Amino acid sequence: MSIYLYLATLNSTAVTWEETSEMIRGSAKSLTDIDTTHLGPRVASAAGVFLETWTTEIKRLETAARDHGDALRETAMLFSISDQDAVERSSHLLTWTNRNLSPTEGELP
């Protein structure tokens, strides 16, 4: 099995999710700033329920976006550590003179 991941892509996508989380947080703030008392007592209570429902959903989406960003950063970190570990373990199997060769220098005749 082969997995091809580009750490820069994982990290830039994490930034995108974090920025999305921030935008969603701004939406939640906009909803919580709404004053429903001007709508009258009958409409204000229904509007309050509506706003509460949407605020809860927006907070859920904000958390999900932030969690996606965190998961991508963690994945990038784990793959980076795994790559470093594989390189170190492999280099110990090579002879001392071959440990720092580039791919073209180490070609067999």
PDB file of N, CA and C in Angstrom:
ATOM      1  N   MET A   1       0.846  -1.176   0.000  1.00  0.00           N
ATOM      2  CA  MET A   1       0.000   0.000   0.000  1.00  0.00           C
ATOM      3  C   MET A   1       0.888   1.236   0.000  1.00  0.00           C
ATOM      4  N   SER A   2       0.512   2.205  -0.791  1.00  0.00           N
ATOM      5  CA  SER A   2       1.245   3.473  -0.837  1.00  0.00           C
ATOM      6  C   SER A   2       0.299   4.613  -0.515  1.00  0.00           C
ATOM      7  N   ILE A   3       0.791   5.544   0.272  1.00  0.00           N
ATOM      8  CA  ILE A   3       0.026   6.739   0.611  1.00  0.00           C
ATOM      9  C   ILE A   3       0.865   7.934   0.207  1.00  0.00           C
ATOM     10  N   TYR A   4       0.292   8.805  -0.593  1.00  0.00           N
ATOM     11  CA  TYR A   4       0.992  10.012  -0.987  1.00  0.00           C
ATOM     12  C   TYR A   4       0.296  11.202  -0.349  1.00  0.00           C
ATOM     13  N   LEU A   5       0.971  11.847   0.566  1.00  0.00           N
ATOM     14  CA  LEU A   5       0.440  13.032   1.222  1.00  0.00           C
ATOM     15  C   LEU A   5       1.482  14.131   1.130  1.00  0.00           C
ATOM     16  N   TYR A   6       1.027  15.316   0.878  1.00  0.00           N
ATOM     17  CA  TYR A   6       1.920  16.455   0.824  1.00  0.00           C
ATOM     18  C   TYR A   6       1.661  17.286   2.074  1.00  0.00           C
ATOM     19  N   LEU A   7       2.684  17.383   2.911  1.00  0.00           N
ATOM     20  CA  LEU A   7       2.513  18.047   4.201  1.00  0.00           C
ATOM     21  C   LEU A   7       2.085  19.498   4.033  1.00  0.00           C
ATOM     22  N   ALA A   8       2.621  20.183   3.019  1.00  0.00           N
ATOM     23  CA  ALA A   8       2.232  21.577   2.797  1.00  0.00           C
ATOM     24  C   ALA A   8       0.740  21.676   2.477  1.00  0.00           C
ATOM     25  N   THR A   9       0.224  20.725   1.716  1.00  0.00           N
ATOM     26  CA  THR A   9      -1.203  20.727   1.381  1.00  0.00           C
ATOM     27  C   THR A   9      -2.051  20.466   2.625  1.00  0.00           C
ATOM     28  N   LEU A  10      -1.618  19.524   3.456  1.00  0.00           N
ATOM     29  CA  LEU A  10      -2.351  19.262   4.699  1.00  0.00           C
ATOM     30  C   LEU A  10      -2.384  20.516   5.571  1.00  0.00           C
ATOM     31  N   ASN A  11      -1.240  21.180   5.690  1.00  0.00           N
ATOM     32  CA  ASN A  11      -1.178  22.377   6.539  1.00  0.00           C
ATOM     33  C   ASN A  11      -1.962  23.541   5.951  1.00  0.00           C
ATOM     34  N   SER A  12      -1.919  23.739   4.637  1.00  0.00           N
ATOM     35  CA  SER A  12      -2.679  24.851   4.048  1.00  0.00           C
ATOM     36  C   SER A  12      -4.185  24.582   4.132  1.00  0.00           C
ATOM     37  N   THR A  13      -4.572  23.327   4.021  1.00  0.00           N
ATOM     38  CA  THR A  13      -5.988  22.988   4.174  1.00  0.00           C
ATOM     39  C   THR A  13      -6.425  23.185   5.622  1.00  0.00           C
ATOM     40  N   ALA A  14      -5.538  22.894   6.563  1.00  0.00           N
ATOM     41  CA  ALA A  14      -5.841  23.150   7.981  1.00  0.00           C
ATOM     42  C   ALA A  14      -6.087  24.633   8.209  1.00  0.00           C
ATOM     43  N   VAL A  15      -5.278  25.480   7.579  1.00  0.00           N
ATOM     44  CA  VAL A  15      -5.468  26.934   7.700  1.00  0.00           C
ATOM     45  C   VAL A  15      -6.833  27.331   7.141  1.00  0.00           C
ATOM     46  N   THR A  16      -7.209  26.744   6.017  1.00  0.00           N
ATOM     47  CA  THR A  16      -8.511  27.046   5.410  1.00  0.00           C
ATOM     48  C   THR A  16      -9.648  26.688   6.367  1.00  0.00           C
ATOM     49  N   TRP A  17      -9.553  25.518   7.007  1.00  0.00           N
ATOM     50  CA  TRP A  17     -10.588  25.123   7.973  1.00  0.00           C
ATOM     51  C   TRP A  17     -10.609  26.064   9.164  1.00  0.00           C
ATOM     52  N   GLU A  18      -9.435  26.490   9.628  1.00  0.00           N
ATOM     53  CA  GLU A  18      -9.379  27.417  10.765  1.00  0.00           C
ATOM     54  C   GLU A  18      -9.994  28.765  10.395  1.00  0.00           C
ATOM     55  N   GLU A  19      -9.725  29.233   9.184  1.00  0.00           N
ATOM     56  CA  GLU A  19     -10.330  30.491   8.728  1.00  0.00           C
ATOM     57  C   GLU A  19     -11.840  30.347   8.599  1.00  0.00           C
ATOM     58  N   THR A  20     -12.292  29.192   8.148  1.00  0.00           N
ATOM     59  CA  THR A  20     -13.730  28.926   8.053  1.00  0.00           C
ATOM     60  C   THR A  20     -14.361  28.955   9.442  1.00  0.00           C
ATOM     61  N   SER A  21     -13.684  28.367  10.408  1.00  0.00           N
ATOM     62  CA  SER A  21     -14.176  28.384  11.779  1.00  0.00           C
ATOM     63  C   SER A  21     -14.332  29.815  12.283  1.00  0.00           C
ATOM     64  N   GLU A  22     -13.365  30.669  11.967  1.00  0.00           N
ATOM     65  CA  GLU A  22     -13.435  32.077  12.380  1.00  0.00           C
ATOM     66  C   GLU A  22     -14.613  32.795  11.711  1.00  0.00           C
ATOM     67  N   MET A  23     -14.838  32.521  10.428  1.00  0.00           N
ATOM     68  CA  MET A  23     -15.975  33.144   9.731  1.00  0.00           C
ATOM     69  C   MET A  23     -17.296  32.696  10.350  1.00  0.00           C
ATOM     70  N   ILE A  24     -17.369  31.417  10.672  1.00  0.00           N
ATOM     71  CA  ILE A  24     -18.591  30.890  11.287  1.00  0.00           C
ATOM     72  C   ILE A  24     -18.809  31.526  12.655  1.00  0.00           C
ATOM     73  N   ARG A  25     -17.721  31.717  13.410  1.00  0.00           N
ATOM     74  CA  ARG A  25     -17.833  32.363  14.718  1.00  0.00           C
ATOM     75  C   ARG A  25     -18.404  33.768  14.568  1.00  0.00           C
ATOM     76  N   GLY A  26     -18.001  34.476  13.517  1.00  0.00           N
ATOM     77  CA  GLY A  26     -18.551  35.811  13.258  1.00  0.00           C
ATOM     78  C   GLY A  26     -20.041  35.765  13.002  1.00  0.00           C
ATOM     79  N   SER A  27     -20.486  34.723  12.311  1.00  0.00           N
ATOM     80  CA  SER A  27     -21.925  34.556  12.064  1.00  0.00           C
ATOM     81  C   SER A  27     -22.676  34.337  13.372  1.00  0.00           C
ATOM     82  N   ALA A  28     -22.115  33.547  14.245  1.00  0.00           N
ATOM     83  CA  ALA A  28     -22.760  33.296  15.541  1.00  0.00           C
ATOM     84  C   ALA A  28     -22.868  34.597  16.333  1.00  0.00           C
ATOM     85  N   LYS A  29     -21.815  35.406  16.289  1.00  0.00           N
ATOM     86  CA  LYS A  29     -21.834  36.689  17.006  1.00  0.00           C
ATOM     87  C   LYS A  29     -22.940  37.578  16.443  1.00  0.00           C
ATOM     88  N   SER A  30     -23.085  37.578  15.117  1.00  0.00           N
ATOM     89  CA  SER A  30     -24.141  38.386  14.498  1.00  0.00           C
ATOM     90  C   SER A  30     -25.523  37.954  14.977  1.00  0.00           C
ATOM     91  N   LEU A  31     -25.722  36.659  15.100  1.00  0.00           N
ATOM     92  CA  LEU A  31     -27.027  36.167  15.563  1.00  0.00           C
ATOM     93  C   LEU A  31     -27.284  36.512  17.020  1.00  0.00           C
ATOM     94  N   THR A  32     -26.268  36.390  17.850  1.00  0.00           N
ATOM     95  CA  THR A  32     -26.476  36.661  19.272  1.00  0.00           C
ATOM     96  C   THR A  32     -26.660  38.154  19.546  1.00  0.00           C
ATOM     97  N   ASP A  33     -26.254  39.010  18.609  1.00  0.00           N
ATOM     98  CA  ASP A  33     -26.426  40.454  18.784  1.00  0.00           C
ATOM     99  C   ASP A  33     -27.820  40.949  18.398  1.00  0.00           C
ATOM    100  N   ILE A  34     -28.642  40.073  17.847  1.00  0.00           N
ATOM    101  CA  ILE A  34     -29.978  40.481  17.403  1.00  0.00           C
ATOM    102  C   ILE A  34     -30.894  40.679  18.617  1.00  0.00           C
ATOM    103  N   ASP A  35     -31.564  41.818  18.641  1.00  0.00           N
ATOM    104  CA  ASP A  35     -32.510  42.125  19.713  1.00  0.00           C
ATOM    105  C   ASP A  35     -33.919  41.840  19.212  1.00  0.00           C
ATOM    106  N   THR A  36     -34.542  40.826  19.761  1.00  0.00           N
ATOM    107  CA  THR A  36     -35.883  40.429  19.306  1.00  0.00           C
ATOM    108  C   THR A  36     -37.007  41.154  20.040  1.00  0.00           C
ATOM    109  N   THR A  37     -36.685  41.954  21.033  1.00  0.00           N
ATOM    110  CA  THR A  37     -37.740  42.623  21.809  1.00  0.00           C
ATOM    111  C   THR A  37     -38.536  43.608  20.966  1.00  0.00           C
ATOM    112  N   HIS A  38     -37.941  44.125  19.888  1.00  0.00           N
ATOM    113  CA  HIS A  38     -38.642  45.073  19.015  1.00  0.00           C
ATOM    114  C   HIS A  38     -39.718  44.394  18.171  1.00  0.00           C
ATOM    115  N   LEU A  39     -39.744  43.079  18.189  1.00  0.00           N
ATOM    116  CA  LEU A  39     -40.709  42.349  17.372  1.00  0.00           C
ATOM    117  C   LEU A  39     -42.048  42.142  18.066  1.00  0.00           C
ATOM    118  N   GLY A  40     -42.115  42.488  19.324  1.00  0.00           N
ATOM    119  CA  GLY A  40     -43.361  42.274  20.082  1.00  0.00           C
ATOM    120  C   GLY A  40     -43.303  40.940  20.792  1.00  0.00           C
ATOM    121  N   PRO A  41     -44.116  40.773  21.833  1.00  0.00           N
ATOM    122  CA  PRO A  41     -44.026  39.571  22.677  1.00  0.00           C
ATOM    123  C   PRO A  41     -44.352  38.267  21.955  1.00  0.00           C
ATOM    124  N   ARG A  42     -45.327  38.264  21.050  1.00  0.00           N
ATOM    125  CA  ARG A  42     -45.694  37.020  20.370  1.00  0.00           C
ATOM    126  C   ARG A  42     -44.609  36.580  19.399  1.00  0.00           C
ATOM    127  N   VAL A  43     -44.077  37.505  18.646  1.00  0.00           N
ATOM    128  CA  VAL A  43     -43.069  37.170  17.639  1.00  0.00           C
ATOM    129  C   VAL A  43     -41.689  37.011  18.284  1.00  0.00           C
ATOM    130  N   ALA A  44     -41.412  37.780  19.316  1.00  0.00           N
ATOM    131  CA  ALA A  44     -40.094  37.739  19.951  1.00  0.00           C
ATOM    132  C   ALA A  44     -39.757  36.353  20.489  1.00  0.00           C
ATOM    133  N   SER A  45     -40.742  35.689  21.087  1.00  0.00           N
ATOM    134  CA  SER A  45     -40.449  34.360  21.640  1.00  0.00           C
ATOM    135  C   SER A  45     -40.141  33.360  20.519  1.00  0.00           C
ATOM    136  N   ALA A  46     -40.898  33.403  19.429  1.00  0.00           N
ATOM    137  CA  ALA A  46     -40.628  32.504  18.297  1.00  0.00           C
ATOM    138  C   ALA A  46     -39.282  32.847  17.653  1.00  0.00           C
ATOM    139  N   ALA A  47     -39.009  34.147  17.529  1.00  0.00           N
ATOM    140  CA  ALA A  47     -37.731  34.577  16.959  1.00  0.00           C
ATOM    141  C   ALA A  47     -36.578  34.140  17.868  1.00  0.00           C
ATOM    142  N   GLY A  48     -36.773  34.203  19.163  1.00  0.00           N
ATOM    143  CA  GLY A  48     -35.745  33.768  20.111  1.00  0.00           C
ATOM    144  C   GLY A  48     -35.429  32.292  19.961  1.00  0.00           C
ATOM    145  N   VAL A  49     -36.474  31.479  19.806  1.00  0.00           N
ATOM    146  CA  VAL A  49     -36.278  30.037  19.600  1.00  0.00           C
ATOM    147  C   VAL A  49     -35.530  29.795  18.286  1.00  0.00           C
ATOM    148  N   PHE A  50     -35.952  30.519  17.241  1.00  0.00           N
ATOM    149  CA  PHE A  50     -35.295  30.401  15.938  1.00  0.00           C
ATOM    150  C   PHE A  50     -33.809  30.748  16.054  1.00  0.00           C
ATOM    151  N   LEU A  51     -33.505  31.866  16.685  1.00  0.00           N
ATOM    152  CA  LEU A  51     -32.114  32.301  16.823  1.00  0.00           C
ATOM    153  C   LEU A  51     -31.306  31.328  17.679  1.00  0.00           C
ATOM    154  N   GLU A  52     -31.925  30.813  18.735  1.00  0.00           N
ATOM    155  CA  GLU A  52     -31.230  29.853  19.594  1.00  0.00           C
ATOM    156  C   GLU A  52     -30.891  28.575  18.824  1.00  0.00           C
ATOM    157  N   THR A  53     -31.840  28.110  18.013  1.00  0.00           N
ATOM    158  CA  THR A  53     -31.612  26.910  17.207  1.00  0.00           C
ATOM    159  C   THR A  53     -30.448  27.124  16.246  1.00  0.00           C
ATOM    160  N   TRP A  54     -30.467  28.248  15.537  1.00  0.00           N
ATOM    161  CA  TRP A  54     -29.405  28.529  14.574  1.00  0.00           C
ATOM    162  C   TRP A  54     -28.074  28.805  15.258  1.00  0.00           C
ATOM    163  N   THR A  55     -28.088  29.435  16.404  1.00  0.00           N
ATOM    164  CA  THR A  55     -26.840  29.677  17.142  1.00  0.00           C
ATOM    165  C   THR A  55     -26.208  28.349  17.558  1.00  0.00           C
ATOM    166  N   THR A  56     -27.034  27.423  18.017  1.00  0.00           N
ATOM    167  CA  THR A  56     -26.531  26.099  18.399  1.00  0.00           C
ATOM    168  C   THR A  56     -25.920  25.397  17.193  1.00  0.00           C
ATOM    169  N   GLU A  57     -26.598  25.465  16.061  1.00  0.00           N
ATOM    170  CA  GLU A  57     -26.090  24.816  14.837  1.00  0.00           C
ATOM    171  C   GLU A  57     -24.802  25.477  14.365  1.00  0.00           C
ATOM    172  N   ILE A  58     -24.746  26.782  14.420  1.00  0.00           N
ATOM    173  CA  ILE A  58     -23.538  27.493  13.993  1.00  0.00           C
ATOM    174  C   ILE A  58     -22.368  27.150  14.907  1.00  0.00           C
ATOM    175  N   LYS A  59     -22.605  27.046  16.195  1.00  0.00           N
ATOM    176  CA  LYS A  59     -21.524  26.660  17.116  1.00  0.00           C
ATOM    177  C   LYS A  59     -21.040  25.245  16.811  1.00  0.00           C
ATOM    178  N   ARG A  60     -21.966  24.357  16.459  1.00  0.00           N
ATOM    179  CA  ARG A  60     -21.592  22.994  16.085  1.00  0.00           C
ATOM    180  C   ARG A  60     -20.716  23.010  14.839  1.00  0.00           C
ATOM    181  N   LEU A  61     -21.105  23.812  13.852  1.00  0.00           N
ATOM    182  CA  LEU A  61     -20.319  23.910  12.623  1.00  0.00           C
ATOM    183  C   LEU A  61     -18.945  24.542  12.878  1.00  0.00           C
ATOM    184  N   GLU A  62     -18.908  25.530  13.749  1.00  0.00           N
ATOM    185  CA  GLU A  62     -17.630  26.165  14.114  1.00  0.00           C
ATOM    186  C   GLU A  62     -16.690  25.140  14.744  1.00  0.00           C
ATOM    187  N   THR A  63     -17.219  24.353  15.668  1.00  0.00           N
ATOM    188  CA  THR A  63     -16.417  23.325  16.334  1.00  0.00           C
ATOM    189  C   THR A  63     -15.943  22.281  15.326  1.00  0.00           C
ATOM    190  N   ALA A  64     -16.830  21.873  14.432  1.00  0.00           N
ATOM    191  CA  ALA A  64     -16.453  20.873  13.422  1.00  0.00           C
ATOM    192  C   ALA A  64     -15.342  21.405  12.521  1.00  0.00           C
ATOM    193  N   ALA A  65     -15.440  22.652  12.090  1.00  0.00           N
ATOM    194  CA  ALA A  65     -14.413  23.236  11.230  1.00  0.00           C
ATOM    195  C   ALA A  65     -13.075  23.315  11.969  1.00  0.00           C
ATOM    196  N   ARG A  66     -13.111  23.751  13.204  1.00  0.00           N
ATOM    197  CA  ARG A  66     -11.883  23.836  14.008  1.00  0.00           C
ATOM    198  C   ARG A  66     -11.283  22.443  14.200  1.00  0.00           C
ATOM    199  N   ASP A  67     -12.138  21.450  14.466  1.00  0.00           N
ATOM    200  CA  ASP A  67     -11.663  20.076  14.657  1.00  0.00           C
ATOM    201  C   ASP A  67     -11.035  19.519  13.381  1.00  0.00           C
ATOM    202  N   HIS A  68     -11.619  19.856  12.226  1.00  0.00           N
ATOM    203  CA  HIS A  68     -11.026  19.416  10.949  1.00  0.00           C
ATOM    204  C   HIS A  68      -9.616  19.985  10.793  1.00  0.00           C
ATOM    205  N   GLY A  69      -9.466  21.270  11.090  1.00  0.00           N
ATOM    206  CA  GLY A  69      -8.150  21.901  11.010  1.00  0.00           C
ATOM    207  C   GLY A  69      -7.158  21.243  11.951  1.00  0.00           C
ATOM    208  N   ASP A  70      -7.586  20.983  13.178  1.00  0.00           N
ATOM    209  CA  ASP A  70      -6.718  20.329  14.162  1.00  0.00           C
ATOM    210  C   ASP A  70      -6.318  18.928  13.692  1.00  0.00           C
ATOM    211  N   ALA A  71      -7.280  18.185  13.153  1.00  0.00           N
ATOM    212  CA  ALA A  71      -6.996  16.822  12.693  1.00  0.00           C
ATOM    213  C   ALA A  71      -6.003  16.830  11.535  1.00  0.00           C
ATOM    214  N   LEU A  72      -6.143  17.790  10.620  1.00  0.00           N
ATOM    215  CA  LEU A  72      -5.199  17.870   9.500  1.00  0.00           C
ATOM    216  C   LEU A  72      -3.799  18.226   9.988  1.00  0.00           C
ATOM    217  N   ARG A  73      -3.698  19.154  10.927  1.00  0.00           N
ATOM    218  CA  ARG A  73      -2.376  19.499  11.483  1.00  0.00           C
ATOM    219  C   ARG A  73      -1.755  18.299  12.196  1.00  0.00           C
ATOM    220  N   GLU A  74      -2.565  17.578  12.960  1.00  0.00           N
ATOM    221  CA  GLU A  74      -2.057  16.402  13.660  1.00  0.00           C
ATOM    222  C   GLU A  74      -1.619  15.329  12.668  1.00  0.00           C
ATOM    223  N   THR A  75      -2.401  15.127  11.618  1.00  0.00           N
ATOM    224  CA  THR A  75      -2.036  14.146  10.587  1.00  0.00           C
ATOM    225  C   THR A  75      -0.714  14.523   9.936  1.00  0.00           C
ATOM    226  N   ALA A  76      -0.543  15.796   9.587  1.00  0.00           N
ATOM    227  CA  ALA A  76       0.709  16.249   8.985  1.00  0.00           C
ATOM    228  C   ALA A  76       1.881  16.002   9.930  1.00  0.00           C
ATOM    229  N   MET A  77       1.682  16.307  11.213  1.00  0.00           N
ATOM    230  CA  MET A  77       2.741  16.108  12.187  1.00  0.00           C
ATOM    231  C   MET A  77       3.098  14.621  12.314  1.00  0.00           C
ATOM    232  N   LEU A  78       2.078  13.754  12.387  1.00  0.00           N
ATOM    233  CA  LEU A  78       2.326  12.324  12.534  1.00  0.00           C
ATOM    234  C   LEU A  78       3.023  11.737  11.310  1.00  0.00           C
ATOM    235  N   PHE A  79       2.612  12.175  10.111  1.00  0.00           N
ATOM    236  CA  PHE A  79       3.288  11.697   8.910  1.00  0.00           C
ATOM    237  C   PHE A  79       4.725  12.196   8.853  1.00  0.00           C
ATOM    238  N   SER A  80       4.951  13.417   9.281  1.00  0.00           N
ATOM    239  CA  SER A  80       6.304  13.965   9.300  1.00  0.00           C
ATOM    240  C   SER A  80       7.192  13.170  10.253  1.00  0.00           C
ATOM    241  N   ILE A  81       6.678  12.884  11.442  1.00  0.00           N
ATOM    242  CA  ILE A  81       7.436  12.089  12.419  1.00  0.00           C
ATOM    243  C   ILE A  81       7.699  10.692  11.872  1.00  0.00           C
ATOM    244  N   SER A  82       6.687  10.099  11.248  1.00  0.00           N
ATOM    245  CA  SER A  82       6.825   8.765  10.674  1.00  0.00           C
ATOM    246  C   SER A  82       7.882   8.753   9.577  1.00  0.00           C
ATOM    247  N   ASP A  83       7.874   9.778   8.710  1.00  0.00           N
ATOM    248  CA  ASP A  83       8.873   9.881   7.649  1.00  0.00           C
ATOM    249  C   ASP A  83      10.271  10.007   8.236  1.00  0.00           C
ATOM    250  N   GLN A  84      10.427  10.857   9.235  1.00  0.00           N
ATOM    251  CA  GLN A  84      11.740  11.038   9.857  1.00  0.00           C
ATOM    252  C   GLN A  84      12.220   9.730  10.482  1.00  0.00           C
ATOM    253  N   ASP A  85      11.319   9.030  11.142  1.00  0.00           N
ATOM    254  CA  ASP A  85      11.667   7.760  11.772  1.00  0.00           C
ATOM    255  C   ASP A  85      12.089   6.735  10.721  1.00  0.00           C
ATOM    256  N   ALA A  86      11.352   6.666   9.611  1.00  0.00           N
ATOM    257  CA  ALA A  86      11.686   5.708   8.549  1.00  0.00           C
ATOM    258  C   ALA A  86      13.048   6.023   7.940  1.00  0.00           C
ATOM    259  N   VAL A  87      13.347   7.299   7.728  1.00  0.00           N
ATOM    260  CA  VAL A  87      14.644   7.689   7.177  1.00  0.00           C
ATOM    261  C   VAL A  87      15.758   7.312   8.141  1.00  0.00           C
ATOM    262  N   GLU A  88      15.574   7.604   9.424  1.00  0.00           N
ATOM    263  CA  GLU A  88      16.606   7.279  10.414  1.00  0.00           C
ATOM    264  C   GLU A  88      16.831   5.772  10.513  1.00  0.00           C
ATOM    265  N   ARG A  89      15.761   5.004  10.561  1.00  0.00           N
ATOM    266  CA  ARG A  89      15.905   3.547  10.648  1.00  0.00           C
ATOM    267  C   ARG A  89      16.571   2.988   9.399  1.00  0.00           C
ATOM    268  N   SER A  90      16.185   3.497   8.237  1.00  0.00           N
ATOM    269  CA  SER A  90      16.775   3.021   6.984  1.00  0.00           C
ATOM    270  C   SER A  90      18.245   3.387   6.889  1.00  0.00           C
ATOM    271  N   SER A  91      18.602   4.577   7.337  1.00  0.00           N
ATOM    272  CA  SER A  91      20.001   4.994   7.236  1.00  0.00           C
ATOM    273  C   SER A  91      20.906   4.116   8.095  1.00  0.00           C
ATOM    274  N   HIS A  92      20.376   3.588   9.200  1.00  0.00           N
ATOM    275  CA  HIS A  92      21.180   2.708  10.049  1.00  0.00           C
ATOM    276  C   HIS A  92      21.441   1.355   9.391  1.00  0.00           C
ATOM    277  N   LEU A  93      20.665   1.006   8.394  1.00  0.00           N
ATOM    278  CA  LEU A  93      20.878  -0.246   7.668  1.00  0.00           C
ATOM    279  C   LEU A  93      21.933  -0.094   6.572  1.00  0.00           C
ATOM    280  N   LEU A  94      22.214   1.146   6.182  1.00  0.00           N
ATOM    281  CA  LEU A  94      23.192   1.399   5.126  1.00  0.00           C
ATOM    282  C   LEU A  94      24.604   1.397   5.686  1.00  0.00           C
ATOM    283  N   THR A  95      25.548   1.165   4.797  1.00  0.00           N
ATOM    284  CA  THR A  95      26.937   1.296   5.224  1.00  0.00           C
ATOM    285  C   THR A  95      27.222   2.760   5.490  1.00  0.00           C
ATOM    286  N   TRP A  96      28.225   3.005   6.304  1.00  0.00           N
ATOM    287  CA  TRP A  96      28.556   4.375   6.710  1.00  0.00           C
ATOM    288  C   TRP A  96      28.776   5.284   5.505  1.00  0.00           C
ATOM    289  N   THR A  97      29.435   4.818   4.480  1.00  0.00           N
ATOM    290  CA  THR A  97      29.763   5.655   3.318  1.00  0.00           C
ATOM    291  C   THR A  97      28.538   5.941   2.445  1.00  0.00           C
ATOM    292  N   ASN A  98      27.484   5.174   2.572  1.00  0.00           N
ATOM    293  CA  ASN A  98      26.287   5.383   1.737  1.00  0.00           C
ATOM    294  C   ASN A  98      25.172   6.153   2.434  1.00  0.00           C
ATOM    295  N   ARG A  99      25.339   6.509   3.674  1.00  0.00           N
ATOM    296  CA  ARG A  99      24.244   7.116   4.444  1.00  0.00           C
ATOM    297  C   ARG A  99      23.831   8.494   3.949  1.00  0.00           C
ATOM    298  N   ASN A 100      24.720   9.258   3.350  1.00  0.00           N
ATOM    299  CA  ASN A 100      24.388  10.615   2.934  1.00  0.00           C
ATOM    300  C   ASN A 100      24.405  10.808   1.417  1.00  0.00           C
ATOM    301  N   LEU A 101      24.336   9.730   0.673  1.00  0.00           N
ATOM    302  CA  LEU A 101      24.336   9.834  -0.778  1.00  0.00           C
ATOM    303  C   LEU A 101      22.996  10.341  -1.285  1.00  0.00           C
ATOM    304  N   SER A 102      23.038  11.071  -2.396  1.00  0.00           N
ATOM    305  CA  SER A 102      21.793  11.472  -3.051  1.00  0.00           C
ATOM    306  C   SER A 102      21.315  10.291  -3.902  1.00  0.00           C
ATOM    307  N   PRO A 103      20.082  10.302  -4.383  1.00  0.00           N
ATOM    308  CA  PRO A 103      19.583   9.171  -5.184  1.00  0.00           C
ATOM    309  C   PRO A 103      20.433   8.889  -6.421  1.00  0.00           C
ATOM    310  N   THR A 104      20.956   9.902  -7.071  1.00  0.00           N
ATOM    311  CA  THR A 104      21.743   9.657  -8.289  1.00  0.00           C
ATOM    312  C   THR A 104      23.151   9.186  -7.961  1.00  0.00           C
ATOM    313  N   GLU A 105      23.701   9.567  -6.831  1.00  0.00           N
ATOM    314  CA  GLU A 105      25.048   9.146  -6.447  1.00  0.00           C
ATOM    315  C   GLU A 105      25.076   7.674  -6.048  1.00  0.00           C
ATOM    316  N   GLY A 106      23.965   7.174  -5.559  1.00  0.00           N
ATOM    317  CA  GLY A 106      23.946   5.805  -5.059  1.00  0.00           C
ATOM    318  C   GLY A 106      23.517   4.780  -6.082  1.00  0.00           C
ATOM    319  N   GLU A 107      23.396   5.154  -7.346  1.00  0.00           N
ATOM    320  CA  GLU A 107      22.955   4.202  -8.373  1.00  0.00           C
ATOM    321  C   GLU A 107      23.988   3.110  -8.574  1.00  0.00           C
ATOM    322  N   LEU A 108      23.484   1.898  -8.752  1.00  0.00           N
ATOM    323  CA  LEU A 108      24.365   0.759  -9.013  1.00  0.00           C
ATOM    324  C   LEU A 108      24.714   0.714 -10.492  1.00  0.00           C
ATOM    325  N   PRO A 109      25.914   0.201 -10.846  1.00  0.00           N
ATOM    326  CA  PRO A 109      26.314   0.120 -12.264  1.00  0.00           C
ATOM    327  C   PRO A 109      25.491  -0.912 -13.010  1.00  0.00           C
TER     328      PRO A 109
END
